[in-house]
Amino acid sequence: MNVSLTTEMEQWVQQKVGSGLYTSASEVVREAIRALHAKETRNSTKLANLRDALQQGIDTADQGDLLEWDETVAMEIKQTGRKRRQA
């Protein structure tokens, strides 16, 4: 497999090799691909979780189990979100 890089990318790869952190350009590219794969996997998981949460909300609404929107509900949602972000 041959891969074409922009001049800027090629210089960056050579810098990484020159730094001693990597032994070859192939190693740098493999590491970059691993990082991209991990990022895509995380994003896919997040999207699946979002779709599940959306479906739960739709199911709840279909069952008529809804709350009237007010400041108390808004604050509870904000607090739940903040706790999840901290975890």
PDB file of N, CA and C in Angstrom:
ATOM      1  N   MET A   1       0.850  -1.175   0.000  1.00  0.00           N
ATOM      2  CA  MET A   1       0.000   0.000   0.000  1.00  0.00           C
ATOM      3  C   MET A   1       0.892   1.233   0.000  1.00  0.00           C
ATOM      4  N   ASN A   2       0.578   2.147  -0.844  1.00  0.00           N
ATOM      5  CA  ASN A   2       1.270   3.432  -0.880  1.00  0.00           C
ATOM      6  C   ASN A   2       0.317   4.514  -0.407  1.00  0.00           C
ATOM      7  N   VAL A   3       0.854   5.447   0.357  1.00  0.00           N
ATOM      8  CA  VAL A   3       0.050   6.541   0.881  1.00  0.00           C
ATOM      9  C   VAL A   3       0.728   7.850   0.507  1.00  0.00           C
ATOM     10  N   SER A   4      -0.043   8.769  -0.014  1.00  0.00           N
ATOM     11  CA  SER A   4       0.494  10.095  -0.346  1.00  0.00           C
ATOM     12  C   SER A   4       0.157  11.068   0.778  1.00  0.00           C
ATOM     13  N   LEU A   5       1.159  11.798   1.193  1.00  0.00           N
ATOM     14  CA  LEU A   5       0.983  12.795   2.246  1.00  0.00           C
ATOM     15  C   LEU A   5       1.299  14.173   1.694  1.00  0.00           C
ATOM     16  N   THR A   6       0.679  15.170   2.298  1.00  0.00           N
ATOM     17  CA  THR A   6       1.048  16.540   1.943  1.00  0.00           C
ATOM     18  C   THR A   6       2.464  16.794   2.449  1.00  0.00           C
ATOM     19  N   THR A   7       3.084  17.814   1.939  1.00  0.00           N
ATOM     20  CA  THR A   7       4.444  18.162   2.370  1.00  0.00           C
ATOM     21  C   THR A   7       4.478  18.422   3.870  1.00  0.00           C
ATOM     22  N   GLU A   8       3.469  19.121   4.352  1.00  0.00           N
ATOM     23  CA  GLU A   8       3.394  19.427   5.794  1.00  0.00           C
ATOM     24  C   GLU A   8       3.288  18.159   6.625  1.00  0.00           C
ATOM     25  N   MET A   9       2.441  17.225   6.193  1.00  0.00           N
ATOM     26  CA  MET A   9       2.293  15.967   6.930  1.00  0.00           C
ATOM     27  C   MET A   9       3.581  15.149   6.895  1.00  0.00           C
ATOM     28  N   GLU A  10       4.209  15.120   5.742  1.00  0.00           N
ATOM     29  CA  GLU A  10       5.461  14.370   5.610  1.00  0.00           C
ATOM     30  C   GLU A  10       6.535  14.940   6.531  1.00  0.00           C
ATOM     31  N   GLN A  11       6.611  16.264   6.607  1.00  0.00           N
ATOM     32  CA  GLN A  11       7.584  16.899   7.501  1.00  0.00           C
ATOM     33  C   GLN A  11       7.289  16.562   8.954  1.00  0.00           C
ATOM     34  N   TRP A  12       6.013  16.552   9.306  1.00  0.00           N
ATOM     35  CA  TRP A  12       5.614  16.212  10.680  1.00  0.00           C
ATOM     36  C   TRP A  12       6.020  14.781  11.009  1.00  0.00           C
ATOM     37  N   VAL A  13       5.765  13.861  10.074  1.00  0.00           N
ATOM     38  CA  VAL A  13       6.143  12.457  10.284  1.00  0.00           C
ATOM     39  C   VAL A  13       7.651  12.354  10.453  1.00  0.00           C
ATOM     40  N   GLN A  14       8.398  13.028   9.611  1.00  0.00           N
ATOM     41  CA  GLN A  14       9.862  12.986   9.706  1.00  0.00           C
ATOM     42  C   GLN A  14      10.344  13.588  11.028  1.00  0.00           C
ATOM     43  N   GLN A  15       9.663  14.607  11.511  1.00  0.00           N
ATOM     44  CA  GLN A  15      10.013  15.187  12.816  1.00  0.00           C
ATOM     45  C   GLN A  15       9.829  14.156  13.922  1.00  0.00           C
ATOM     46  N   LYS A  16       8.737  13.411  13.845  1.00  0.00           N
ATOM     47  CA  LYS A  16       8.473  12.389  14.862  1.00  0.00           C
ATOM     48  C   LYS A  16       9.554  11.315  14.842  1.00  0.00           C
ATOM     49  N   VAL A  17       9.928  10.894  13.660  1.00  0.00           N
ATOM     50  CA  VAL A  17      10.996   9.901  13.534  1.00  0.00           C
ATOM     51  C   VAL A  17      12.310  10.498  14.030  1.00  0.00           C
ATOM     52  N   GLY A  18      12.596  11.741  13.624  1.00  0.00           N
ATOM     53  CA  GLY A  18      13.828  12.416  14.040  1.00  0.00           C
ATOM     54  C   GLY A  18      13.920  12.640  15.540  1.00  0.00           C
ATOM     55  N   SER A  19      12.779  12.729  16.195  1.00  0.00           N
ATOM     56  CA  SER A  19      12.780  12.954  17.645  1.00  0.00           C
ATOM     57  C   SER A  19      13.200  11.701  18.415  1.00  0.00           C
ATOM     58  N   GLY A  20      13.199  10.566  17.726  1.00  0.00           N
ATOM     59  CA  GLY A  20      13.546   9.318  18.394  1.00  0.00           C
ATOM     60  C   GLY A  20      12.357   8.633  19.024  1.00  0.00           C
ATOM     61  N   LEU A  21      11.218   9.277  18.968  1.00  0.00           N
ATOM     62  CA  LEU A  21      10.007   8.704  19.549  1.00  0.00           C
ATOM     63  C   LEU A  21       9.527   7.501  18.735  1.00  0.00           C
ATOM     64  N   TYR A  22       9.777   7.530  17.456  1.00  0.00           N
ATOM     65  CA  TYR A  22       9.399   6.450  16.539  1.00  0.00           C
ATOM     66  C   TYR A  22      10.625   6.043  15.746  1.00  0.00           C
ATOM     67  N   THR A  23      10.645   4.778  15.319  1.00  0.00           N
ATOM     68  CA  THR A  23      11.804   4.293  14.582  1.00  0.00           C
ATOM     69  C   THR A  23      11.649   4.422  13.070  1.00  0.00           C
ATOM     70  N   SER A  24      10.409   4.618  12.605  1.00  0.00           N
ATOM     71  CA  SER A  24      10.191   4.733  11.165  1.00  0.00           C
ATOM     72  C   SER A  24       8.925   5.525  10.876  1.00  0.00           C
ATOM     73  N   ALA A  25       8.819   5.969   9.630  1.00  0.00           N
ATOM     74  CA  ALA A  25       7.614   6.675   9.201  1.00  0.00           C
ATOM     75  C   ALA A  25       6.403   5.747   9.288  1.00  0.00           C
ATOM     76  N   SER A  26       6.597   4.486   8.969  1.00  0.00           N
ATOM     77  CA  SER A  26       5.490   3.528   9.042  1.00  0.00           C
ATOM     78  C   SER A  26       4.940   3.419  10.459  1.00  0.00           C
ATOM     79  N   GLU A  27       5.824   3.465  11.425  1.00  0.00           N
ATOM     80  CA  GLU A  27       5.388   3.402  12.818  1.00  0.00           C
ATOM     81  C   GLU A  27       4.537   4.609  13.186  1.00  0.00           C
ATOM     82  N   VAL A  28       4.927   5.775  12.717  1.00  0.00           N
ATOM     83  CA  VAL A  28       4.160   6.997  12.976  1.00  0.00           C
ATOM     84  C   VAL A  28       2.777   6.880  12.341  1.00  0.00           C
ATOM     85  N   VAL A  29       2.725   6.433  11.097  1.00  0.00           N
ATOM     86  CA  VAL A  29       1.450   6.316  10.384  1.00  0.00           C
ATOM     87  C   VAL A  29       0.567   5.269  11.055  1.00  0.00           C
ATOM     88  N   ARG A  30       1.153   4.132  11.463  1.00  0.00           N
ATOM     89  CA  ARG A  30       0.345   3.110  12.158  1.00  0.00           C
ATOM     90  C   ARG A  30      -0.256   3.668  13.445  1.00  0.00           C
ATOM     91  N   GLU A  31       0.548   4.416  14.202  1.00  0.00           N
ATOM     92  CA  GLU A  31       0.053   5.016  15.448  1.00  0.00           C
ATOM     93  C   GLU A  31      -1.071   6.002  15.166  1.00  0.00           C
ATOM     94  N   ALA A  32      -0.931   6.791  14.105  1.00  0.00           N
ATOM     95  CA  ALA A  32      -1.977   7.747  13.732  1.00  0.00           C
ATOM     96  C   ALA A  32      -3.259   7.021  13.341  1.00  0.00           C
ATOM     97  N   ILE A  33      -3.126   5.924  12.620  1.00  0.00           N
ATOM     98  CA  ILE A  33      -4.308   5.153  12.220  1.00  0.00           C
ATOM     99  C   ILE A  33      -4.969   4.522  13.435  1.00  0.00           C
ATOM    100  N   ARG A  34      -4.166   4.010  14.374  1.00  0.00           N
ATOM    101  CA  ARG A  34      -4.739   3.456  15.614  1.00  0.00           C
ATOM    102  C   ARG A  34      -5.526   4.521  16.373  1.00  0.00           C
ATOM    103  N   ALA A  35      -4.962   5.736  16.450  1.00  0.00           N
ATOM    104  CA  ALA A  35      -5.646   6.832  17.158  1.00  0.00           C
ATOM    105  C   ALA A  35      -6.946   7.201  16.451  1.00  0.00           C
ATOM    106  N   LEU A  36      -6.931   7.245  15.122  1.00  0.00           N
ATOM    107  CA  LEU A  36      -8.140   7.552  14.362  1.00  0.00           C
ATOM    108  C   LEU A  36      -9.192   6.467  14.569  1.00  0.00           C
ATOM    109  N   HIS A  37      -8.764   5.226  14.559  1.00  0.00           N
ATOM    110  CA  HIS A  37      -9.699   4.111  14.769  1.00  0.00           C
ATOM    111  C   HIS A  37     -10.339   4.193  16.152  1.00  0.00           C
ATOM    112  N   ALA A  38      -9.512   4.486  17.167  1.00  0.00           N
ATOM    113  CA  ALA A  38     -10.038   4.605  18.534  1.00  0.00           C
ATOM    114  C   ALA A  38     -11.046   5.750  18.627  1.00  0.00           C
ATOM    115  N   LYS A  39     -10.738   6.862  17.973  1.00  0.00           N
ATOM    116  CA  LYS A  39     -11.652   8.010  17.985  1.00  0.00           C
ATOM    117  C   LYS A  39     -12.974   7.650  17.314  1.00  0.00           C
ATOM    118  N   GLU A  40     -12.905   6.986  16.170  1.00  0.00           N
ATOM    119  CA  GLU A  40     -14.130   6.598  15.466  1.00  0.00           C
ATOM    120  C   GLU A  40     -14.948   5.608  16.287  1.00  0.00           C
ATOM    121  N   THR A  41     -14.274   4.706  16.983  1.00  0.00           N
ATOM    122  CA  THR A  41     -14.972   3.747  17.834  1.00  0.00           C
ATOM    123  C   THR A  41     -15.693   4.467  18.969  1.00  0.00           C
ATOM    124  N   ARG A  42     -15.003   5.430  19.607  1.00  0.00           N
ATOM    125  CA  ARG A  42     -15.647   6.214  20.677  1.00  0.00           C
ATOM    126  C   ARG A  42     -16.849   6.971  20.140  1.00  0.00           C
ATOM    127  N   ASN A  43     -16.691   7.584  18.974  1.00  0.00           N
ATOM    128  CA  ASN A  43     -17.804   8.345  18.388  1.00  0.00           C
ATOM    129  C   ASN A  43     -18.974   7.434  18.043  1.00  0.00           C
ATOM    130  N   SER A  44     -18.701   6.247  17.534  1.00  0.00           N
ATOM    131  CA  SER A  44     -19.775   5.295  17.216  1.00  0.00           C
ATOM    132  C   SER A  44     -20.518   4.874  18.478  1.00  0.00           C
ATOM    133  N   THR A  45     -19.757   4.654  19.547  1.00  0.00           N
ATOM    134  CA  THR A  45     -20.374   4.278  20.820  1.00  0.00           C
ATOM    135  C   THR A  45     -21.242   5.412  21.349  1.00  0.00           C
ATOM    136  N   LYS A  46     -20.724   6.641  21.274  1.00  0.00           N
ATOM    137  CA  LYS A  46     -21.498   7.798  21.726  1.00  0.00           C
ATOM    138  C   LYS A  46     -22.778   7.948  20.912  1.00  0.00           C
ATOM    139  N   LEU A  47     -22.688   7.756  19.608  1.00  0.00           N
ATOM    140  CA  LEU A  47     -23.861   7.874  18.748  1.00  0.00           C
ATOM    141  C   LEU A  47     -24.882   6.790  19.080  1.00  0.00           C
ATOM    142  N   ALA A  48     -24.429   5.571  19.308  1.00  0.00           N
ATOM    143  CA  ALA A  48     -25.338   4.479  19.676  1.00  0.00           C
ATOM    144  C   ALA A  48     -26.024   4.787  21.002  1.00  0.00           C
ATOM    145  N   ASN A  49     -25.264   5.309  21.964  1.00  0.00           N
ATOM    146  CA  ASN A  49     -25.854   5.670  23.260  1.00  0.00           C
ATOM    147  C   ASN A  49     -26.883   6.786  23.105  1.00  0.00           C
ATOM    148  N   LEU A  50     -26.575   7.760  22.256  1.00  0.00           N
ATOM    149  CA  LEU A  50     -27.509   8.853  22.010  1.00  0.00           C
ATOM    150  C   LEU A  50     -28.795   8.335  21.377  1.00  0.00           C
ATOM    151  N   ARG A  51     -28.654   7.430  20.409  1.00  0.00           N
ATOM    152  CA  ARG A  51     -29.835   6.852  19.768  1.00  0.00           C
ATOM    153  C   ARG A  51     -30.677   6.058  20.775  1.00  0.00           C
ATOM    154  N   ASP A  52     -30.008   5.318  21.669  1.00  0.00           N
ATOM    155  CA  ASP A  52     -30.736   4.574  22.702  1.00  0.00           C
ATOM    156  C   ASP A  52     -31.501   5.520  23.623  1.00  0.00           C
ATOM    157  N   ALA A  53     -30.827   6.601  24.042  1.00  0.00           N
ATOM    158  CA  ALA A  53     -31.480   7.568  24.930  1.00  0.00           C
ATOM    159  C   ALA A  53     -32.652   8.235  24.229  1.00  0.00           C
ATOM    160  N   LEU A  54     -32.492   8.550  22.959  1.00  0.00           N
ATOM    161  CA  LEU A  54     -33.575   9.148  22.194  1.00  0.00           C
ATOM    162  C   LEU A  54     -34.761   8.194  22.094  1.00  0.00           C
ATOM    163  N   GLN A  55     -34.472   6.924  21.842  1.00  0.00           N
ATOM    164  CA  GLN A  55     -35.550   5.947  21.754  1.00  0.00           C
ATOM    165  C   GLN A  55     -36.260   5.794  23.094  1.00  0.00           C
ATOM    166  N   GLN A  56     -35.505   5.823  24.192  1.00  0.00           N
ATOM    167  CA  GLN A  56     -36.132   5.766  25.521  1.00  0.00           C
ATOM    168  C   GLN A  56     -37.068   6.950  25.718  1.00  0.00           C
ATOM    169  N   GLY A  57     -36.629   8.127  25.285  1.00  0.00           N
ATOM    170  CA  GLY A  57     -37.477   9.317  25.401  1.00  0.00           C
ATOM    171  C   GLY A  57     -38.736   9.190  24.559  1.00  0.00           C
ATOM    172  N   ILE A  58     -38.593   8.677  23.358  1.00  0.00           N
ATOM    173  CA  ILE A  58     -39.762   8.487  22.490  1.00  0.00           C
ATOM    174  C   ILE A  58     -40.720   7.476  23.105  1.00  0.00           C
ATOM    175  N   ASP A  59     -40.164   6.375  23.636  1.00  0.00           N
ATOM    176  CA  ASP A  59     -41.008   5.351  24.258  1.00  0.00           C
ATOM    177  C   ASP A  59     -41.747   5.918  25.468  1.00  0.00           C
ATOM    178  N   THR A  60     -41.050   6.709  26.268  1.00  0.00           N
ATOM    179  CA  THR A  60     -41.673   7.332  27.439  1.00  0.00           C
ATOM    180  C   THR A  60     -42.808   8.252  27.013  1.00  0.00           C
ATOM    181  N   ALA A  61     -42.556   9.038  25.986  1.00  0.00           N
ATOM    182  CA  ALA A  61     -43.593   9.959  25.491  1.00  0.00           C
ATOM    183  C   ALA A  61     -44.781   9.183  24.941  1.00  0.00           C
ATOM    184  N   ASP A  62     -44.505   8.095  24.220  1.00  0.00           N
ATOM    185  CA  ASP A  62     -45.586   7.273  23.672  1.00  0.00           C
ATOM    186  C   ASP A  62     -46.458   6.675  24.770  1.00  0.00           C
ATOM    187  N   GLN A  63     -45.856   6.436  25.923  1.00  0.00           N
ATOM    188  CA  GLN A  63     -46.609   5.882  27.055  1.00  0.00           C
ATOM    189  C   GLN A  63     -47.337   6.974  27.832  1.00  0.00           C
ATOM    190  N   GLY A  64     -47.098   8.212  27.463  1.00  0.00           N
ATOM    191  CA  GLY A  64     -47.766   9.333  28.129  1.00  0.00           C
ATOM    192  C   GLY A  64     -47.134   9.700  29.453  1.00  0.00           C
ATOM    193  N   ASP A  65     -45.959   9.180  29.737  1.00  0.00           N
ATOM    194  CA  ASP A  65     -45.279   9.438  31.008  1.00  0.00           C
ATOM    195  C   ASP A  65     -44.376  10.658  30.860  1.00  0.00           C
ATOM    196  N   LEU A  66     -44.990  11.828  30.798  1.00  0.00           N
ATOM    197  CA  LEU A  66     -44.266  13.068  30.576  1.00  0.00           C
ATOM    198  C   LEU A  66     -44.384  13.986  31.783  1.00  0.00           C
ATOM    199  N   LEU A  67     -43.424  14.906  31.903  1.00  0.00           N
ATOM    200  CA  LEU A  67     -43.461  15.906  32.963  1.00  0.00           C
ATOM    201  C   LEU A  67     -43.747  17.262  32.352  1.00  0.00           C
ATOM    202  N   GLU A  68     -44.433  18.081  33.074  1.00  0.00           N
ATOM    203  CA  GLU A  68     -44.644  19.470  32.668  1.00  0.00           C
ATOM    204  C   GLU A  68     -43.311  20.189  32.829  1.00  0.00           C
ATOM    205  N   TRP A  69     -42.912  20.952  31.824  1.00  0.00           N
ATOM    206  CA  TRP A  69     -41.639  21.659  31.872  1.00  0.00           C
ATOM    207  C   TRP A  69     -41.740  22.865  32.787  1.00  0.00           C
ATOM    208  N   ASP A  70     -40.815  22.928  33.745  1.00  0.00           N
ATOM    209  CA  ASP A  70     -40.708  24.096  34.616  1.00  0.00           C
ATOM    210  C   ASP A  70     -39.264  24.218  35.073  1.00  0.00           C
ATOM    211  N   GLU A  71     -38.982  25.192  35.896  1.00  0.00           N
ATOM    212  CA  GLU A  71     -37.604  25.431  36.346  1.00  0.00           C
ATOM    213  C   GLU A  71     -37.052  24.262  37.150  1.00  0.00           C
ATOM    214  N   THR A  72     -37.897  23.581  37.908  1.00  0.00           N
ATOM    215  CA  THR A  72     -37.441  22.440  38.704  1.00  0.00           C
ATOM    216  C   THR A  72     -36.932  21.333  37.789  1.00  0.00           C
ATOM    217  N   VAL A  73     -37.680  21.029  36.756  1.00  0.00           N
ATOM    218  CA  VAL A  73     -37.275  20.007  35.797  1.00  0.00           C
ATOM    219  C   VAL A  73     -35.980  20.428  35.109  1.00  0.00           C
ATOM    220  N   ALA A  74     -35.887  21.678  34.721  1.00  0.00           N
ATOM    221  CA  ALA A  74     -34.688  22.178  34.065  1.00  0.00           C
ATOM    222  C   ALA A  74     -33.468  22.029  34.965  1.00  0.00           C
ATOM    223  N   MET A  75     -33.604  22.368  36.232  1.00  0.00           N
ATOM    224  CA  MET A  75     -32.491  22.255  37.170  1.00  0.00           C
ATOM    225  C   MET A  75     -32.087  20.799  37.380  1.00  0.00           C
ATOM    226  N   GLU A  76     -33.069  19.901  37.469  1.00  0.00           N
ATOM    227  CA  GLU A  76     -32.761  18.478  37.633  1.00  0.00           C
ATOM    228  C   GLU A  76     -31.977  17.948  36.436  1.00  0.00           C
ATOM    229  N   ILE A  77     -32.372  18.355  35.251  1.00  0.00           N
ATOM    230  CA  ILE A  77     -31.673  17.925  34.040  1.00  0.00           C
ATOM    231  C   ILE A  77     -30.243  18.466  34.035  1.00  0.00           C
ATOM    232  N   LYS A  78     -30.068  19.716  34.395  1.00  0.00           N
ATOM    233  CA  LYS A  78     -28.736  20.311  34.443  1.00  0.00           C
ATOM    234  C   LYS A  78     -27.851  19.596  35.462  1.00  0.00           C
ATOM    235  N   GLN A  79     -28.417  19.304  36.630  1.00  0.00           N
ATOM    236  CA  GLN A  79     -27.648  18.627  37.675  1.00  0.00           C
ATOM    237  C   GLN A  79     -27.248  17.222  37.231  1.00  0.00           C
ATOM    238  N   THR A  80     -28.146  16.515  36.602  1.00  0.00           N
ATOM    239  CA  THR A  80     -27.835  15.174  36.096  1.00  0.00           C
ATOM    240  C   THR A  80     -26.714  15.243  35.071  1.00  0.00           C
ATOM    241  N   GLY A  81     -26.804  16.197  34.154  1.00  0.00           N
ATOM    242  CA  GLY A  81     -25.766  16.370  33.145  1.00  0.00           C
ATOM    243  C   GLY A  81     -24.417  16.709  33.743  1.00  0.00           C
ATOM    244  N   ARG A  82     -24.404  17.562  34.731  1.00  0.00           N
ATOM    245  CA  ARG A  82     -23.145  17.952  35.378  1.00  0.00           C
ATOM    246  C   ARG A  82     -22.531  16.768  36.115  1.00  0.00           C
ATOM    247  N   LYS A  83     -23.346  15.964  36.768  1.00  0.00           N
ATOM    248  CA  LYS A  83     -22.825  14.773  37.460  1.00  0.00           C
ATOM    249  C   LYS A  83     -22.224  13.800  36.454  1.00  0.00           C
ATOM    250  N   ARG A  84     -22.891  13.608  35.334  1.00  0.00           N
ATOM    251  CA  ARG A  84     -22.364  12.691  34.310  1.00  0.00           C
ATOM    252  C   ARG A  84     -21.051  13.200  33.743  1.00  0.00           C
ATOM    253  N   ARG A  85     -20.943  14.514  33.550  1.00  0.00           N
ATOM    254  CA  ARG A  85     -19.730  15.098  32.995  1.00  0.00           C
ATOM    255  C   ARG A  85     -18.568  14.921  33.957  1.00  0.00           C
ATOM    256  N   GLN A  86     -18.829  15.028  35.257  1.00  0.00           N
ATOM    257  CA  GLN A  86     -17.771  14.896  36.258  1.00  0.00           C
ATOM    258  C   GLN A  86     -17.314  13.454  36.424  1.00  0.00           C
ATOM    259  N   ALA A  87     -18.216  12.514  36.129  1.00  0.00           N
ATOM    260  CA  ALA A  87     -17.881  11.090  36.324  1.00  0.00           C
ATOM    261  C   ALA A  87     -16.938  10.577  35.279  1.00  0.00           C
TER     262      ALA A  87
END
